[in-house]
């Protein structure tokens, strides 16, 4: 467990008041993201999506019982990533939902809040949002969090549901608390 703890749903360095992460052998209840509450007037604040518009969603084909044969296999995400013909339409709709019309699409990555490498739903709009490539908190930092949490799950240091909850709750906290560097 290498000094990881779960603090308010996020991965944090060990702290006296924090609760230790359960070992991977102990079953953890899956925390499903909330349902999508709105489809317009979405506001991204401080690098985080509007959780009413983008609460995240998981791929039902990936679970704790099959991470070794799905997300932990090199090249897995290529097998589930939707084609650009699907994601382009979603990106346009999400740009509008987030009030970013008129901005170049190239300024944003259509990002999976719960990434494919953590069992995120590939083409569910509740899991996709226009994440900026620039700014204090951007797609490159979130990529570092995705890679870190993927390693934690595949190394058995964290359960899949804990990683999904941590990144969907506040990926920036995971970045800061684990002293990650931009990818």
N, C-alpha and C. Protein backbone atom coordinates (compact mmCIF):
# COMPACT_ATOMS: atom_id res chain seq x y z
N UNK A 1 0.81 -1.20 0.00
CA UNK A 1 0.00 0.00 0.00
C UNK A 1 0.85 1.25 0.00
N UNK A 2 2.11 1.12 0.15
CA UNK A 2 3.09 2.17 -0.09
C UNK A 2 2.64 3.57 0.35
N UNK A 3 2.12 3.70 1.54
CA UNK A 3 1.83 5.02 2.08
C UNK A 3 0.61 5.71 1.52
N UNK A 4 -0.27 5.01 0.84
CA UNK A 4 -1.48 5.64 0.31
C UNK A 4 -2.60 5.53 1.32
N UNK A 5 -3.40 6.57 1.36
CA UNK A 5 -4.58 6.56 2.20
C UNK A 5 -5.74 7.13 1.41
N UNK A 6 -6.94 6.83 1.82
CA UNK A 6 -8.11 7.39 1.18
C UNK A 6 -8.64 8.48 2.09
N UNK A 7 -8.72 9.68 1.56
CA UNK A 7 -9.15 10.83 2.33
C UNK A 7 -10.23 11.55 1.54
N UNK A 8 -11.44 11.53 2.02
CA UNK A 8 -12.56 12.17 1.35
C UNK A 8 -12.67 11.72 -0.10
N UNK A 9 -12.46 10.43 -0.34
CA UNK A 9 -12.64 9.89 -1.68
C UNK A 9 -11.45 10.10 -2.60
N UNK A 10 -10.35 10.66 -2.10
CA UNK A 10 -9.19 10.93 -2.93
C UNK A 10 -7.97 10.26 -2.35
N UNK A 11 -7.02 9.96 -3.18
CA UNK A 11 -5.78 9.36 -2.74
C UNK A 11 -4.92 10.45 -2.14
N UNK A 12 -4.35 10.16 -0.99
CA UNK A 12 -3.52 11.16 -0.33
C UNK A 12 -2.31 10.49 0.28
N UNK A 13 -1.22 11.25 0.49
CA UNK A 13 -0.11 10.69 1.23
C UNK A 13 -0.56 10.36 2.64
N UNK A 14 0.14 9.46 3.30
CA UNK A 14 -0.22 9.07 4.66
C UNK A 14 -0.32 10.30 5.55
N UNK A 15 -1.35 10.34 6.35
CA UNK A 15 -1.54 11.41 7.32
C UNK A 15 -2.18 10.80 8.54
N UNK A 16 -1.90 11.39 9.71
CA UNK A 16 -2.39 10.81 10.94
C UNK A 16 -3.90 10.69 10.98
N UNK A 17 -4.61 11.67 10.45
CA UNK A 17 -6.07 11.66 10.53
C UNK A 17 -6.75 10.93 9.38
N UNK A 18 -5.97 10.45 8.43
CA UNK A 18 -6.56 9.80 7.26
C UNK A 18 -6.86 8.33 7.55
N UNK A 19 -7.77 7.78 6.78
CA UNK A 19 -8.16 6.39 6.92
C UNK A 19 -7.37 5.57 5.92
N UNK A 20 -6.70 4.49 6.34
CA UNK A 20 -5.91 3.70 5.39
C UNK A 20 -6.77 3.08 4.30
N UNK A 21 -6.20 2.95 3.12
CA UNK A 21 -6.87 2.27 2.01
C UNK A 21 -6.93 0.80 2.36
N UNK A 22 -8.08 0.19 2.15
CA UNK A 22 -8.23 -1.24 2.43
C UNK A 22 -7.37 -2.04 1.47
N UNK A 23 -6.91 -3.19 1.91
CA UNK A 23 -6.10 -4.02 1.03
C UNK A 23 -6.97 -4.51 -0.12
N UNK A 24 -6.35 -4.81 -1.27
CA UNK A 24 -7.15 -5.21 -2.43
C UNK A 24 -7.93 -6.50 -2.22
N UNK A 25 -7.55 -7.30 -1.22
CA UNK A 25 -8.27 -8.55 -0.98
C UNK A 25 -9.63 -8.33 -0.31
N UNK A 26 -9.80 -7.18 0.35
CA UNK A 26 -11.05 -6.88 1.04
C UNK A 26 -12.02 -6.26 0.05
N UNK A 27 -13.17 -6.89 -0.19
CA UNK A 27 -14.12 -6.32 -1.15
C UNK A 27 -14.57 -4.94 -0.70
N UNK A 28 -14.59 -4.01 -1.63
CA UNK A 28 -15.03 -2.65 -1.36
C UNK A 28 -16.34 -2.40 -2.11
N UNK A 29 -17.28 -1.71 -1.48
CA UNK A 29 -18.51 -1.41 -2.21
C UNK A 29 -18.21 -0.46 -3.36
N UNK A 30 -18.79 -0.74 -4.50
CA UNK A 30 -18.62 0.14 -5.65
C UNK A 30 -19.45 1.39 -5.45
N UNK A 31 -18.85 2.53 -5.69
CA UNK A 31 -19.56 3.79 -5.57
C UNK A 31 -19.86 4.27 -6.98
N UNK A 32 -21.08 4.13 -7.39
CA UNK A 32 -21.46 4.55 -8.73
C UNK A 32 -21.55 6.06 -8.78
N UNK A 33 -21.04 6.69 -9.85
CA UNK A 33 -21.19 8.14 -9.97
C UNK A 33 -22.66 8.51 -10.00
N UNK A 34 -22.93 9.73 -9.61
CA UNK A 34 -24.30 10.23 -9.62
C UNK A 34 -24.81 10.30 -11.05
N UNK A 35 -26.10 10.31 -11.21
CA UNK A 35 -26.70 10.44 -12.55
C UNK A 35 -26.47 11.85 -13.07
N UNK A 36 -26.43 11.99 -14.36
CA UNK A 36 -26.26 13.29 -15.01
C UNK A 36 -27.51 14.13 -14.75
N UNK A 37 -27.33 15.28 -14.09
CA UNK A 37 -28.45 16.09 -13.67
C UNK A 37 -28.81 17.20 -14.65
N UNK A 38 -27.85 17.61 -15.49
CA UNK A 38 -28.16 18.66 -16.46
C UNK A 38 -27.31 18.49 -17.71
N UNK A 39 -27.80 19.08 -18.81
CA UNK A 39 -27.13 18.94 -20.10
C UNK A 39 -26.77 20.28 -20.73
N UNK A 40 -26.96 21.36 -20.00
CA UNK A 40 -26.61 22.68 -20.49
C UNK A 40 -26.23 23.56 -19.30
N UNK A 41 -25.71 24.74 -19.62
CA UNK A 41 -25.26 25.66 -18.58
C UNK A 41 -24.26 25.01 -17.63
N UNK A 42 -23.40 24.16 -18.19
CA UNK A 42 -22.36 23.48 -17.43
C UNK A 42 -21.21 24.46 -17.20
N UNK A 43 -20.58 24.35 -16.05
CA UNK A 43 -19.47 25.24 -15.72
C UNK A 43 -18.31 24.41 -15.20
N UNK A 44 -17.18 24.54 -15.89
CA UNK A 44 -15.95 23.90 -15.44
C UNK A 44 -15.23 24.91 -14.56
N UNK A 45 -14.89 24.50 -13.34
CA UNK A 45 -14.20 25.40 -12.42
C UNK A 45 -12.89 24.80 -11.97
N UNK A 46 -11.83 25.62 -12.05
CA UNK A 46 -10.51 25.22 -11.57
C UNK A 46 -10.06 23.88 -12.14
N UNK A 47 -10.35 23.61 -13.40
CA UNK A 47 -9.91 22.39 -14.04
C UNK A 47 -10.78 21.17 -13.83
N UNK A 48 -11.85 21.32 -13.08
CA UNK A 48 -12.76 20.20 -12.82
C UNK A 48 -14.04 20.38 -13.62
N UNK A 49 -14.62 19.29 -14.10
CA UNK A 49 -15.88 19.42 -14.83
C UNK A 49 -17.03 19.71 -13.88
N UNK A 50 -18.11 20.17 -14.42
CA UNK A 50 -19.35 20.36 -13.68
C UNK A 50 -19.91 18.97 -13.39
N UNK A 51 -19.96 18.60 -12.12
CA UNK A 51 -20.39 17.23 -11.78
C UNK A 51 -21.87 16.99 -12.03
N UNK A 52 -22.65 18.04 -12.22
CA UNK A 52 -24.04 17.83 -12.60
C UNK A 52 -24.15 17.46 -14.09
N UNK A 53 -23.18 17.91 -14.89
CA UNK A 53 -23.16 17.61 -16.32
C UNK A 53 -22.28 16.40 -16.64
N UNK A 54 -21.21 16.25 -15.89
CA UNK A 54 -20.23 15.20 -16.15
C UNK A 54 -19.88 14.50 -14.83
N UNK A 55 -20.78 13.65 -14.34
CA UNK A 55 -20.51 12.96 -13.07
C UNK A 55 -19.56 11.77 -13.23
N UNK A 56 -19.34 11.36 -14.49
CA UNK A 56 -18.54 10.16 -14.75
C UNK A 56 -19.44 8.96 -14.87
N UNK A 57 -18.97 7.97 -15.58
CA UNK A 57 -19.69 6.70 -15.66
C UNK A 57 -18.69 5.61 -15.99
N UNK A 58 -19.04 4.40 -15.59
CA UNK A 58 -18.11 3.28 -15.75
C UNK A 58 -18.63 2.29 -16.79
N UNK A 59 -17.69 1.57 -17.34
CA UNK A 59 -17.98 0.53 -18.33
C UNK A 59 -18.36 -0.74 -17.57
N UNK A 60 -19.55 -1.23 -17.76
CA UNK A 60 -20.03 -2.42 -17.02
C UNK A 60 -19.22 -3.67 -17.36
N UNK A 61 -18.44 -3.62 -18.43
CA UNK A 61 -17.62 -4.78 -18.81
C UNK A 61 -16.33 -4.88 -18.00
N UNK A 62 -16.03 -3.85 -17.22
CA UNK A 62 -14.80 -3.83 -16.42
C UNK A 62 -15.17 -3.81 -14.95
N UNK A 63 -14.59 -4.71 -14.19
CA UNK A 63 -14.85 -4.75 -12.76
C UNK A 63 -13.64 -5.28 -12.02
N UNK A 64 -13.73 -5.30 -10.71
CA UNK A 64 -12.63 -5.76 -9.86
C UNK A 64 -12.19 -7.17 -10.22
N UNK A 65 -13.13 -7.98 -10.68
CA UNK A 65 -12.82 -9.38 -10.98
C UNK A 65 -12.08 -9.58 -12.30
N UNK A 66 -12.01 -8.54 -13.15
CA UNK A 66 -11.36 -8.77 -14.44
C UNK A 66 -10.36 -7.68 -14.83
N UNK A 67 -9.86 -6.89 -13.88
CA UNK A 67 -8.92 -5.83 -14.23
C UNK A 67 -7.66 -6.39 -14.90
N UNK A 68 -7.20 -7.56 -14.48
CA UNK A 68 -5.98 -8.14 -15.06
C UNK A 68 -6.17 -8.52 -16.54
N UNK A 69 -7.39 -8.82 -16.94
CA UNK A 69 -7.63 -9.21 -18.33
C UNK A 69 -8.26 -8.08 -19.16
N UNK A 70 -8.42 -6.91 -18.54
CA UNK A 70 -8.97 -5.77 -19.27
C UNK A 70 -7.99 -4.60 -19.15
N UNK A 71 -8.22 -3.72 -18.22
CA UNK A 71 -7.46 -2.47 -18.16
C UNK A 71 -5.96 -2.64 -17.92
N UNK A 72 -5.54 -3.74 -17.33
CA UNK A 72 -4.12 -3.94 -17.05
C UNK A 72 -3.37 -4.58 -18.21
N UNK A 73 -4.05 -4.83 -19.30
CA UNK A 73 -3.42 -5.37 -20.51
C UNK A 73 -2.97 -4.19 -21.38
N UNK A 74 -1.70 -4.21 -21.79
CA UNK A 74 -1.19 -3.16 -22.67
C UNK A 74 -2.02 -3.11 -23.94
N UNK A 75 -2.44 -1.91 -24.33
CA UNK A 75 -3.23 -1.73 -25.54
C UNK A 75 -4.72 -1.86 -25.34
N UNK A 76 -5.17 -2.11 -24.11
CA UNK A 76 -6.60 -2.29 -23.84
C UNK A 76 -7.44 -1.11 -24.33
N UNK A 77 -7.00 0.11 -24.05
CA UNK A 77 -7.84 1.26 -24.38
C UNK A 77 -8.11 1.38 -25.87
N UNK A 78 -7.16 0.92 -26.70
CA UNK A 78 -7.40 0.95 -28.16
C UNK A 78 -8.58 0.07 -28.55
N UNK A 79 -8.85 -0.95 -27.77
CA UNK A 79 -9.94 -1.87 -28.11
C UNK A 79 -11.31 -1.32 -27.76
N UNK A 80 -11.37 -0.30 -26.89
CA UNK A 80 -12.67 0.23 -26.46
C UNK A 80 -12.87 1.70 -26.82
N UNK A 81 -11.81 2.39 -27.24
CA UNK A 81 -11.93 3.81 -27.55
C UNK A 81 -12.88 4.00 -28.73
N UNK A 82 -13.89 4.87 -28.59
CA UNK A 82 -14.82 5.11 -29.70
C UNK A 82 -14.13 5.84 -30.85
N UNK A 83 -14.62 5.65 -32.06
CA UNK A 83 -14.02 6.33 -33.21
C UNK A 83 -14.30 7.84 -33.16
N UNK A 84 -13.46 8.59 -33.85
CA UNK A 84 -13.61 10.04 -33.88
C UNK A 84 -14.97 10.45 -34.44
N UNK A 85 -15.55 9.63 -35.32
CA UNK A 85 -16.87 9.96 -35.87
C UNK A 85 -17.93 10.03 -34.76
N UNK A 86 -17.72 9.30 -33.69
CA UNK A 86 -18.62 9.35 -32.54
C UNK A 86 -18.22 10.48 -31.60
N UNK A 87 -16.94 10.56 -31.26
CA UNK A 87 -16.50 11.54 -30.27
C UNK A 87 -16.56 12.98 -30.77
N UNK A 88 -16.41 13.20 -32.08
CA UNK A 88 -16.47 14.56 -32.61
C UNK A 88 -17.83 15.19 -32.32
N UNK A 89 -18.90 14.43 -32.55
CA UNK A 89 -20.26 14.94 -32.27
C UNK A 89 -20.45 15.22 -30.78
N UNK A 90 -19.92 14.34 -29.94
CA UNK A 90 -20.04 14.54 -28.50
C UNK A 90 -19.24 15.77 -28.08
N UNK A 91 -18.05 15.94 -28.64
CA UNK A 91 -17.22 17.09 -28.30
C UNK A 91 -17.94 18.39 -28.66
N UNK A 92 -18.54 18.44 -29.84
CA UNK A 92 -19.29 19.63 -30.25
C UNK A 92 -20.43 19.92 -29.28
N UNK A 93 -21.17 18.88 -28.91
CA UNK A 93 -22.30 19.06 -27.99
C UNK A 93 -21.81 19.49 -26.60
N UNK A 94 -20.72 18.92 -26.14
CA UNK A 94 -20.22 19.28 -24.82
C UNK A 94 -19.60 20.68 -24.82
N UNK A 95 -18.98 21.09 -25.91
CA UNK A 95 -18.48 22.47 -26.03
C UNK A 95 -19.65 23.44 -25.85
N UNK A 96 -20.77 23.12 -26.49
CA UNK A 96 -21.96 23.97 -26.36
C UNK A 96 -22.51 23.90 -24.94
N UNK A 97 -22.61 22.71 -24.37
CA UNK A 97 -23.16 22.56 -23.01
C UNK A 97 -22.34 23.34 -21.99
N UNK A 98 -21.03 23.40 -22.21
CA UNK A 98 -20.14 24.11 -21.29
C UNK A 98 -19.97 25.59 -21.67
N UNK A 99 -20.73 26.07 -22.66
CA UNK A 99 -20.70 27.48 -23.02
C UNK A 99 -19.39 27.93 -23.65
N UNK A 100 -18.76 27.04 -24.39
CA UNK A 100 -17.46 27.35 -24.98
C UNK A 100 -17.54 27.55 -26.49
N UNK A 101 -18.74 27.82 -27.02
CA UNK A 101 -18.91 28.03 -28.44
C UNK A 101 -17.99 29.17 -28.88
N UNK A 102 -17.51 29.07 -30.10
CA UNK A 102 -16.65 30.10 -30.64
C UNK A 102 -15.17 29.88 -30.34
N UNK A 103 -14.88 28.99 -29.40
CA UNK A 103 -13.49 28.67 -29.09
C UNK A 103 -13.06 27.53 -30.01
N UNK A 104 -11.81 27.52 -30.45
CA UNK A 104 -11.35 26.43 -31.31
C UNK A 104 -11.45 25.07 -30.60
N UNK A 105 -11.97 24.08 -31.30
CA UNK A 105 -12.07 22.74 -30.72
C UNK A 105 -10.70 22.22 -30.31
N UNK A 106 -9.65 22.67 -30.98
CA UNK A 106 -8.30 22.19 -30.69
C UNK A 106 -7.80 22.65 -29.32
N UNK A 107 -8.47 23.60 -28.68
CA UNK A 107 -8.08 24.05 -27.34
C UNK A 107 -8.49 23.04 -26.26
N UNK A 108 -9.29 22.05 -26.66
CA UNK A 108 -9.85 21.11 -25.69
C UNK A 108 -9.64 19.67 -26.11
N UNK A 109 -9.49 18.84 -25.12
CA UNK A 109 -9.51 17.40 -25.32
C UNK A 109 -10.88 16.93 -24.85
N UNK A 110 -11.55 16.11 -25.62
CA UNK A 110 -12.76 15.48 -25.12
C UNK A 110 -12.28 14.37 -24.21
N UNK A 111 -12.35 14.60 -22.92
CA UNK A 111 -11.73 13.70 -21.96
C UNK A 111 -12.76 12.86 -21.23
N UNK A 112 -12.37 11.64 -20.92
CA UNK A 112 -13.18 10.77 -20.08
C UNK A 112 -12.86 11.14 -18.63
N UNK A 113 -13.85 11.57 -17.87
CA UNK A 113 -13.61 11.88 -16.47
C UNK A 113 -13.04 10.65 -15.76
N UNK A 114 -13.72 9.53 -15.89
CA UNK A 114 -13.16 8.25 -15.44
C UNK A 114 -12.53 7.66 -16.70
N UNK A 115 -11.20 7.65 -16.78
CA UNK A 115 -10.53 7.27 -18.02
C UNK A 115 -10.75 5.80 -18.39
N UNK A 116 -10.56 5.53 -19.67
CA UNK A 116 -10.71 4.16 -20.17
C UNK A 116 -9.78 3.21 -19.43
N UNK A 117 -8.57 3.67 -19.07
CA UNK A 117 -7.62 2.80 -18.38
C UNK A 117 -8.00 2.53 -16.93
N UNK A 118 -9.10 3.16 -16.47
CA UNK A 118 -9.67 2.84 -15.16
C UNK A 118 -11.10 2.33 -15.30
N UNK A 119 -11.44 1.86 -16.48
CA UNK A 119 -12.76 1.28 -16.69
C UNK A 119 -13.87 2.29 -16.89
N UNK A 120 -13.54 3.49 -17.36
CA UNK A 120 -14.56 4.49 -17.65
C UNK A 120 -15.37 4.11 -18.86
N UNK A 121 -16.61 4.57 -18.90
CA UNK A 121 -17.49 4.29 -20.04
C UNK A 121 -16.95 5.01 -21.28
N UNK A 122 -16.75 4.28 -22.38
CA UNK A 122 -16.12 4.85 -23.57
C UNK A 122 -16.89 5.97 -24.26
N UNK A 123 -18.22 5.82 -24.41
CA UNK A 123 -18.96 6.80 -25.20
C UNK A 123 -20.19 7.35 -24.49
N UNK A 124 -20.20 7.29 -23.18
CA UNK A 124 -21.31 7.86 -22.40
C UNK A 124 -21.02 9.34 -22.17
N UNK A 125 -21.89 10.21 -22.65
CA UNK A 125 -21.68 11.66 -22.52
C UNK A 125 -21.55 12.08 -21.06
N UNK A 126 -22.08 11.32 -20.13
CA UNK A 126 -21.93 11.62 -18.71
C UNK A 126 -20.49 11.44 -18.23
N UNK A 127 -19.67 10.82 -19.06
CA UNK A 127 -18.27 10.59 -18.71
C UNK A 127 -17.32 11.43 -19.57
N UNK A 128 -17.85 12.28 -20.43
CA UNK A 128 -17.02 13.04 -21.37
C UNK A 128 -17.23 14.54 -21.20
N UNK A 129 -16.13 15.28 -21.22
CA UNK A 129 -16.21 16.73 -21.06
C UNK A 129 -15.06 17.40 -21.79
N UNK A 130 -15.23 18.68 -22.17
CA UNK A 130 -14.16 19.39 -22.88
C UNK A 130 -13.13 19.91 -21.88
N UNK A 131 -12.02 19.21 -21.78
CA UNK A 131 -10.97 19.59 -20.85
C UNK A 131 -9.92 20.42 -21.58
N UNK A 132 -9.54 21.58 -21.01
CA UNK A 132 -8.58 22.44 -21.70
C UNK A 132 -7.17 21.85 -21.72
N UNK A 133 -6.44 22.19 -22.78
CA UNK A 133 -5.03 21.80 -22.90
C UNK A 133 -4.12 22.80 -22.19
N UNK A 134 -4.65 23.98 -21.86
CA UNK A 134 -3.85 25.02 -21.23
C UNK A 134 -4.48 25.43 -19.91
N UNK A 135 -3.79 26.26 -19.17
CA UNK A 135 -4.29 26.73 -17.89
C UNK A 135 -3.61 26.01 -16.75
N UNK A 136 -3.89 26.48 -15.55
CA UNK A 136 -3.25 25.92 -14.36
C UNK A 136 -3.50 24.43 -14.24
N UNK A 137 -4.76 24.01 -14.38
CA UNK A 137 -5.11 22.59 -14.29
C UNK A 137 -5.64 22.17 -15.65
N UNK A 138 -4.90 21.30 -16.33
CA UNK A 138 -5.24 20.97 -17.71
C UNK A 138 -5.11 19.48 -17.98
N UNK A 139 -5.33 19.12 -19.22
CA UNK A 139 -5.36 17.71 -19.63
C UNK A 139 -4.05 16.99 -19.36
N UNK A 140 -2.94 17.68 -19.43
CA UNK A 140 -1.64 17.01 -19.20
C UNK A 140 -1.49 16.58 -17.75
N UNK A 141 -1.93 17.41 -16.83
CA UNK A 141 -1.87 17.01 -15.42
C UNK A 141 -2.84 15.86 -15.13
N UNK A 142 -4.03 15.92 -15.72
CA UNK A 142 -4.98 14.84 -15.48
C UNK A 142 -4.44 13.53 -16.05
N UNK A 143 -3.73 13.60 -17.18
CA UNK A 143 -3.12 12.40 -17.74
C UNK A 143 -2.14 11.76 -16.75
N UNK A 144 -1.40 12.59 -16.02
CA UNK A 144 -0.47 12.07 -15.00
C UNK A 144 -1.23 11.34 -13.90
N UNK A 145 -2.39 11.88 -13.50
CA UNK A 145 -3.23 11.24 -12.48
C UNK A 145 -3.76 9.91 -13.01
N UNK A 146 -4.21 9.90 -14.25
CA UNK A 146 -4.73 8.68 -14.86
C UNK A 146 -3.67 7.58 -14.85
N UNK A 147 -2.45 7.93 -15.25
CA UNK A 147 -1.36 6.95 -15.28
C UNK A 147 -1.01 6.46 -13.88
N UNK A 148 -0.96 7.37 -12.92
CA UNK A 148 -0.66 7.02 -11.54
C UNK A 148 -1.70 6.05 -10.98
N UNK A 149 -2.98 6.40 -11.13
CA UNK A 149 -4.04 5.54 -10.58
C UNK A 149 -4.09 4.20 -11.31
N UNK A 150 -3.84 4.19 -12.59
CA UNK A 150 -3.79 2.93 -13.35
C UNK A 150 -2.71 2.02 -12.77
N UNK A 151 -1.53 2.57 -12.51
CA UNK A 151 -0.45 1.77 -11.90
C UNK A 151 -0.86 1.25 -10.53
N UNK A 152 -1.53 2.10 -9.74
CA UNK A 152 -1.96 1.68 -8.40
C UNK A 152 -2.92 0.49 -8.47
N UNK A 153 -3.87 0.56 -9.40
CA UNK A 153 -4.84 -0.53 -9.54
C UNK A 153 -4.16 -1.80 -10.05
N UNK A 154 -3.36 -1.66 -11.08
CA UNK A 154 -2.73 -2.84 -11.69
C UNK A 154 -1.65 -3.45 -10.80
N UNK A 155 -1.09 -2.66 -9.89
CA UNK A 155 -0.12 -3.19 -8.92
C UNK A 155 -0.79 -3.73 -7.67
N UNK A 156 -2.11 -3.60 -7.57
CA UNK A 156 -2.84 -4.10 -6.42
C UNK A 156 -2.78 -3.20 -5.19
N UNK A 157 -2.30 -1.96 -5.36
CA UNK A 157 -2.19 -1.04 -4.23
C UNK A 157 -3.51 -0.32 -3.95
N UNK A 158 -4.45 -0.40 -4.88
CA UNK A 158 -5.73 0.30 -4.75
C UNK A 158 -6.79 -0.47 -5.53
N UNK A 159 -8.00 -0.45 -5.03
CA UNK A 159 -9.08 -1.13 -5.76
C UNK A 159 -9.53 -0.27 -6.94
N UNK A 160 -10.12 -0.90 -7.91
CA UNK A 160 -10.65 -0.19 -9.06
C UNK A 160 -11.67 0.85 -8.64
N UNK A 161 -12.59 0.49 -7.77
CA UNK A 161 -13.63 1.45 -7.36
C UNK A 161 -13.04 2.63 -6.61
N UNK A 162 -11.98 2.42 -5.83
CA UNK A 162 -11.34 3.53 -5.13
C UNK A 162 -10.70 4.50 -6.13
N UNK A 163 -10.04 3.95 -7.14
CA UNK A 163 -9.40 4.80 -8.15
C UNK A 163 -10.45 5.57 -8.95
N UNK A 164 -11.54 4.91 -9.31
CA UNK A 164 -12.61 5.57 -10.07
C UNK A 164 -13.22 6.70 -9.25
N UNK A 165 -13.46 6.44 -7.97
CA UNK A 165 -14.03 7.47 -7.10
C UNK A 165 -13.07 8.63 -6.93
N UNK A 166 -11.79 8.34 -6.73
CA UNK A 166 -10.80 9.40 -6.52
C UNK A 166 -10.71 10.33 -7.72
N UNK A 167 -10.64 9.77 -8.92
CA UNK A 167 -10.48 10.63 -10.10
C UNK A 167 -11.77 11.36 -10.44
N UNK A 168 -12.89 10.74 -10.23
CA UNK A 168 -14.17 11.40 -10.53
C UNK A 168 -14.50 12.47 -9.50
N UNK A 169 -14.05 12.29 -8.26
CA UNK A 169 -14.34 13.26 -7.20
C UNK A 169 -13.53 14.53 -7.35
N UNK A 170 -12.20 14.36 -7.50
CA UNK A 170 -11.34 15.53 -7.58
C UNK A 170 -9.95 15.09 -8.01
N UNK A 171 -9.73 15.00 -9.31
CA UNK A 171 -8.44 14.54 -9.81
C UNK A 171 -7.30 15.48 -9.42
N UNK A 172 -7.59 16.76 -9.22
CA UNK A 172 -6.55 17.71 -8.84
C UNK A 172 -6.00 17.38 -7.46
N UNK A 173 -6.86 16.98 -6.54
CA UNK A 173 -6.40 16.60 -5.20
C UNK A 173 -5.46 15.40 -5.28
N UNK A 174 -5.76 14.44 -6.14
CA UNK A 174 -4.89 13.28 -6.31
C UNK A 174 -3.53 13.75 -6.83
N UNK A 175 -3.53 14.65 -7.80
CA UNK A 175 -2.30 15.19 -8.37
C UNK A 175 -1.46 15.84 -7.28
N UNK A 176 -2.08 16.71 -6.50
CA UNK A 176 -1.36 17.46 -5.47
C UNK A 176 -0.89 16.56 -4.33
N UNK A 177 -1.75 15.69 -3.85
CA UNK A 177 -1.43 14.89 -2.67
C UNK A 177 -0.37 13.82 -2.94
N UNK A 178 -0.17 13.51 -4.21
CA UNK A 178 0.83 12.48 -4.55
C UNK A 178 2.04 13.08 -5.26
N UNK A 179 2.13 14.41 -5.23
CA UNK A 179 3.28 15.12 -5.80
C UNK A 179 3.58 14.66 -7.23
N UNK A 180 2.54 14.56 -8.04
CA UNK A 180 2.71 14.10 -9.42
C UNK A 180 3.25 15.24 -10.27
N UNK A 181 3.81 14.89 -11.39
CA UNK A 181 4.34 15.85 -12.35
C UNK A 181 3.53 15.73 -13.64
N UNK A 182 3.40 16.86 -14.31
CA UNK A 182 2.67 16.90 -15.59
C UNK A 182 3.22 15.87 -16.54
N UNK A 183 2.30 15.15 -17.20
CA UNK A 183 2.68 14.10 -18.14
C UNK A 183 3.14 14.60 -19.46
